[in-house]
Amino acid sequence: MHIKQIKWLLFGFAMMFILSRVDYHLILDQALVLYIVCLAALAAVLVLGGTRFGAKRWIHFLGQDFQVSELAS
């Protein structure tokens, strides 16, 4: 469990560094596309999502489970 947490911590720091180098105007220009991708991912949870503790909120993708609602917030 510790190795998994360290792996995600390093991934998070790497993504934070990469995204800090991107001009935010690029992200703002793609807002509509990102919005549509988030809506599609949320809809995919309804179809492909696994139920845990009585709620459907996770998608299994590339060997990992992702909580799509975190992208939309």
Protein backbone atom coordinates (compact mmCIF):
# COMPACT_ATOMS: atom_id res chain seq x y z
CA MET A 1 0.00 0.00 0.00
CA HIS A 2 2.84 2.40 0.77
CA ILE A 3 4.46 1.81 -2.63
CA LYS A 4 1.17 2.60 -4.38
CA GLN A 5 0.81 5.86 -2.44
CA ILE A 6 4.40 6.89 -3.19
CA LYS A 7 3.86 6.13 -6.88
CA TRP A 8 0.79 8.38 -7.01
CA LEU A 9 2.56 11.07 -5.00
CA LEU A 10 5.43 11.17 -7.51
CA PHE A 11 2.97 11.14 -10.40
CA GLY A 12 1.07 14.04 -8.84
CA PHE A 13 4.22 16.11 -8.35
CA ALA A 14 5.31 15.44 -11.94
CA MET A 15 1.89 16.47 -13.29
CA MET A 16 1.87 19.55 -11.07
CA PHE A 17 5.26 20.59 -12.44
CA ILE A 18 4.25 19.94 -16.07
CA LEU A 19 0.94 21.79 -15.77
CA SER A 20 2.60 24.73 -14.03
CA ARG A 21 4.63 25.26 -17.22
CA VAL A 22 1.53 25.45 -19.44
CA ASP A 23 0.11 28.86 -20.24
CA TYR A 24 -3.33 29.01 -18.65
CA HIS A 25 -4.77 30.70 -21.76
CA LEU A 26 -4.29 27.38 -23.57
CA ILE A 27 -6.48 25.66 -20.99
CA LEU A 28 -9.10 28.43 -21.12
CA ASP A 29 -9.25 28.15 -24.92
CA GLN A 30 -10.07 24.44 -24.56
CA ALA A 31 -12.71 24.87 -21.86
CA LEU A 32 -15.61 23.65 -24.02
CA VAL A 33 -13.72 20.53 -25.11
CA LEU A 34 -12.68 19.77 -21.52
CA TYR A 35 -16.28 20.25 -20.37
CA ILE A 36 -17.56 17.78 -22.99
CA VAL A 37 -14.86 15.25 -22.04
CA CYS A 38 -15.86 15.51 -18.37
CA LEU A 39 -19.53 15.02 -19.22
CA ALA A 40 -18.70 11.99 -21.36
CA ALA A 41 -16.58 10.53 -18.57
CA LEU A 42 -19.40 11.05 -16.06
CA ALA A 43 -21.82 9.34 -18.44
CA ALA A 44 -19.34 6.47 -18.82
CA VAL A 45 -19.54 5.90 -15.08
CA LEU A 46 -23.22 5.09 -15.47
CA VAL A 47 -22.42 2.46 -18.11
CA LEU A 48 -19.00 1.11 -17.12
CA GLY A 49 -18.66 2.09 -13.48
CA GLY A 50 -18.28 -0.40 -10.70
CA THR A 51 -20.51 -0.34 -7.64
CA ARG A 52 -18.85 -0.13 -4.24
CA PHE A 53 -20.63 0.42 -0.96
CA GLY A 54 -23.89 0.99 -2.82
CA ALA A 55 -22.60 3.79 -5.07
CA LYS A 56 -21.40 3.75 -8.66
CA ARG A 57 -18.49 6.18 -8.92
CA TRP A 58 -15.32 4.43 -10.12
CA ILE A 59 -14.08 3.40 -13.58
CA HIS A 60 -11.42 0.74 -13.97
CA PHE A 61 -8.93 1.99 -16.60
CA LEU A 62 -5.41 0.79 -17.41
CA GLY A 63 -5.19 -1.31 -14.27
CA GLN A 64 -6.24 1.55 -11.98
CA ASP A 65 -9.54 2.75 -10.59
CA PHE A 66 -10.43 6.39 -11.29
CA GLN A 67 -13.04 8.51 -9.62
CA VAL A 68 -14.28 10.57 -12.54
CA SER A 69 -16.16 13.06 -10.40
CA GLU A 70 -12.78 14.41 -9.26
CA LEU A 71 -12.07 15.54 -12.83
CA ALA A 72 -15.35 17.42 -13.00
CA SER A 73 -14.87 19.37 -9.79
